[in-house]
Amino acid sequence: MWIRRGAGVLATAGVLAVALTGCGESRDYAVPDRVCGVPVDAGALSPLLPNGEKVDESPVDKGPESVSCRVRVDDSLVVHLSGDITDRDTSAVSLEDRGLARLGNPALTEGVGDVAAVADIGAKAMADCAYEGEPRQFVGLVQLPGENPVPADAAERRNALLAFLKSWFPAAARAQGCVPGT
């Protein structure tokens, strides 16, 4: 009697596992090492991408000083990146910024740019640079706009956002022609 019940439970668990795998519970795409024309550490990007069949991106060119790009997995928006070249007197990363506050519990952090913050569903950094020979600053934003951002755990997600920001931010600034350290 116990053996039959145990076998039934195992069979049901097996069917459930196969059903879940068929519903996008695996990653059938390679994690890119370039996002929106910028080289990134695929290992830093990977935790921010959900399982699915395909990953693609759609850059939006807003002019030489402002770019935006959306990364999708199976047609669902999962990562939004934006980079802006602004005047140096612009307070781009501040805990009083309502946009940053909307990303959930922002906290200042170090190791990226001149000023950076990480929040529950996004991260933002700013660094002084030279753009076309003029003193400017580059502001980069990584946002997870989907309904179920990954990783599911907020602390893990914040760590993953910060790791990705460290990989993407300097390359994104250079890609827009903003030379750091000047």
Protein backbone atom coordinates (compact mmCIF):
# COMPACT_ATOMS: atom_id res chain seq x y z
CA MET A 1 0.00 0.00 0.00
CA TRP A 2 2.73 2.51 0.96
CA ILE A 3 4.79 1.58 -2.08
CA ARG A 4 1.88 2.29 -4.44
CA ARG A 5 1.15 5.66 -2.82
CA GLY A 6 4.83 6.57 -2.92
CA ALA A 7 5.07 5.60 -6.59
CA GLY A 8 1.94 7.67 -7.32
CA VAL A 9 3.41 10.70 -5.56
CA LEU A 10 6.67 10.31 -7.48
CA ALA A 11 4.82 9.95 -10.78
CA THR A 12 2.75 13.06 -10.04
CA ALA A 13 5.89 15.01 -9.09
CA GLY A 14 7.56 13.89 -12.33
CA VAL A 15 4.62 15.02 -14.45
CA LEU A 16 4.56 18.36 -12.61
CA ALA A 17 8.30 18.86 -13.19
CA VAL A 18 7.91 18.16 -16.92
CA ALA A 19 4.92 20.51 -17.13
CA LEU A 20 6.79 23.31 -15.37
CA THR A 21 9.84 22.86 -17.60
CA GLY A 22 7.58 23.19 -20.62
CA CYS A 23 6.21 26.48 -19.27
CA GLY A 24 9.43 28.46 -19.54
CA GLU A 25 11.14 27.21 -16.39
CA SER A 26 14.44 26.90 -18.24
CA ARG A 27 16.72 29.30 -20.04
CA ASP A 28 16.83 28.39 -23.72
CA TYR A 29 18.92 31.41 -24.77
CA ALA A 30 22.53 32.39 -24.29
CA VAL A 31 23.06 35.33 -21.96
CA PRO A 32 24.61 38.07 -24.11
CA ASP A 33 27.98 39.66 -23.38
CA ARG A 34 26.85 42.85 -25.13
CA VAL A 35 23.68 44.73 -24.29
CA CYS A 36 22.45 47.63 -26.34
CA GLY A 37 25.82 47.93 -28.06
CA VAL A 38 27.79 47.93 -24.81
CA PRO A 39 30.05 45.09 -23.67
CA VAL A 40 29.01 43.68 -20.28
CA ASP A 41 29.92 40.80 -18.03
CA ALA A 42 27.39 38.09 -18.97
CA GLY A 43 27.77 36.69 -15.45
CA ALA A 44 26.61 40.02 -14.00
CA LEU A 45 23.67 40.26 -16.43
CA SER A 46 22.51 36.67 -16.00
CA PRO A 47 20.83 37.01 -12.56
CA LEU A 48 18.63 39.84 -13.89
CA LEU A 49 17.21 37.76 -16.73
CA PRO A 50 14.35 35.31 -16.22
CA ASN A 51 14.03 31.93 -17.85
CA GLY A 52 12.59 31.81 -21.32
CA GLU A 53 13.22 31.02 -24.94
CA LYS A 54 14.78 34.17 -26.38
CA VAL A 55 16.31 37.47 -25.38
CA ASP A 56 16.31 40.56 -27.57
CA GLU A 57 16.75 44.29 -27.24
CA SER A 58 15.32 47.44 -28.73
CA PRO A 59 17.50 50.54 -28.50
CA VAL A 60 15.93 53.98 -28.68
CA ASP A 61 18.17 56.71 -30.00
CA LYS A 62 17.15 59.98 -28.39
CA GLY A 63 20.15 61.84 -29.76
CA PRO A 64 23.85 61.78 -28.94
CA GLU A 65 23.39 62.83 -25.31
CA SER A 66 20.58 60.47 -24.33
CA VAL A 67 20.07 56.81 -25.15
CA SER A 68 17.62 54.24 -23.92
CA CYS A 69 17.31 50.52 -24.48
CA ARG A 70 14.84 47.84 -23.52
CA VAL A 71 15.85 44.21 -22.99
CA ARG A 72 13.10 41.65 -23.40
CA VAL A 73 12.80 37.95 -22.70
CA ASP A 74 10.02 36.28 -24.68
CA ASP A 75 8.56 39.71 -25.51
CA SER A 76 8.35 40.74 -21.84
CA LEU A 77 10.29 43.82 -20.80
CA VAL A 78 12.78 42.77 -18.11
CA VAL A 79 15.57 45.40 -18.09
CA HIS A 80 15.50 49.05 -19.10
CA LEU A 81 18.81 50.88 -19.53
CA SER A 82 19.30 54.59 -20.06
CA GLY A 83 22.31 56.83 -20.29
CA ASP A 84 22.33 60.61 -20.32
CA ILE A 85 25.06 63.19 -20.63
CA THR A 86 24.14 66.17 -18.48
CA ASP A 87 25.61 69.35 -17.09
CA ARG A 88 27.83 68.90 -14.07
CA ASP A 89 25.61 71.02 -11.85
CA THR A 90 22.72 68.54 -12.25
CA SER A 91 22.07 66.55 -9.09
CA ALA A 92 21.57 63.23 -10.82
CA VAL A 93 21.78 60.75 -7.94
CA SER A 94 20.15 61.83 -4.71
CA LEU A 95 18.04 60.02 -2.14
CA GLU A 96 15.59 62.94 -2.39
CA ASP A 97 15.01 62.16 -6.10
CA ARG A 98 11.42 60.96 -6.48
CA GLY A 99 12.31 58.85 -9.51
CA LEU A 100 14.92 56.97 -7.52
CA ALA A 101 12.52 56.64 -4.59
CA ARG A 102 9.95 54.98 -6.90
CA LEU A 103 12.50 52.21 -7.47
CA GLY A 104 12.08 51.21 -3.82
CA ASN A 105 14.21 51.90 -0.76
CA PRO A 106 17.23 53.52 -2.43
CA ALA A 107 20.55 53.56 -0.62
CA LEU A 108 23.78 55.24 -1.62
CA THR A 109 26.58 52.85 -2.47
CA GLU A 110 30.21 52.99 -3.55
CA GLY A 111 32.26 51.43 -6.28
CA VAL A 112 30.45 52.85 -9.31
CA GLY A 113 31.07 56.32 -10.70
CA ASP A 114 31.25 59.35 -8.41
CA VAL A 115 27.84 58.81 -6.80
CA ALA A 116 25.62 55.73 -7.03
CA ALA A 117 22.50 54.31 -5.46
CA VAL A 118 20.87 50.92 -5.56
CA ALA A 119 17.19 50.26 -4.91
CA ASP A 120 14.81 47.31 -4.94
CA ILE A 121 14.15 47.42 -8.69
CA GLY A 122 16.84 49.70 -10.06
CA ALA A 123 20.25 51.30 -9.71
CA LYS A 124 21.63 54.64 -10.82
CA ALA A 125 25.11 56.14 -11.01
CA MET A 126 26.75 59.39 -12.06
CA ALA A 127 30.35 60.25 -12.97
CA ASP A 128 32.10 63.38 -14.16
CA CYS A 129 33.54 63.11 -17.64
CA ALA A 130 34.48 65.10 -20.71
CA TYR A 131 32.10 65.09 -23.64
CA GLU A 132 33.23 66.73 -26.88
CA GLY A 133 35.94 68.50 -24.90
CA GLU A 134 33.52 69.98 -22.37
CA PRO A 135 33.18 69.08 -18.67
CA ARG A 136 29.96 67.07 -18.31
CA GLN A 137 28.64 64.09 -16.38
CA PHE A 138 27.28 60.72 -17.40
CA VAL A 139 24.19 59.38 -15.65
CA GLY A 140 23.27 55.72 -16.07
CA LEU A 141 20.11 53.97 -14.94
CA VAL A 142 19.32 50.26 -14.78
CA GLN A 143 15.68 49.48 -14.07
CA LEU A 144 13.73 46.22 -13.78
CA PRO A 145 10.25 47.30 -14.91
CA GLY A 146 8.57 43.89 -15.11
CA GLU A 147 5.91 42.70 -12.69
CA ASN A 148 8.11 39.89 -11.35
CA PRO A 149 11.72 41.09 -11.40
CA VAL A 150 14.45 38.55 -10.82
CA PRO A 151 16.01 37.51 -8.56
CA ALA A 152 12.83 37.17 -6.49
CA ASP A 153 14.59 38.00 -3.21
CA ALA A 154 15.02 41.79 -2.87
CA ALA A 155 18.47 41.60 -1.22
CA GLU A 156 19.77 39.28 -3.95
CA ARG A 157 18.21 41.52 -6.61
CA ARG A 158 19.88 44.63 -5.16
CA ASN A 159 23.26 42.84 -5.17
CA ALA A 160 22.68 41.68 -8.76
CA LEU A 161 21.71 45.22 -9.84
CA LEU A 162 24.85 46.66 -8.29
CA ALA A 163 27.08 44.01 -9.91
CA PHE A 164 25.52 44.69 -13.30
CA LEU A 165 25.77 48.48 -12.84
CA LYS A 166 29.51 48.07 -12.14
CA SER A 167 29.92 46.14 -15.39
CA TRP A 168 27.69 48.23 -17.63
CA PHE A 169 28.13 51.82 -16.38
CA PRO A 170 31.76 52.58 -17.43
CA ALA A 171 31.30 50.91 -20.83
CA ALA A 172 28.03 52.77 -21.42
CA ALA A 173 29.69 56.13 -20.63
CA ARG A 174 32.52 55.43 -23.08
CA ALA A 175 30.05 54.25 -25.74
CA GLN A 176 28.33 57.63 -25.55
CA GLY A 177 31.64 59.48 -25.87
CA CYS A 178 31.91 60.53 -22.25
CA VAL A 179 35.55 60.18 -21.23
CA PRO A 180 35.76 59.48 -17.49
CA GLY A 181 38.09 61.15 -15.03
CA THR A 182 38.19 64.58 -16.63
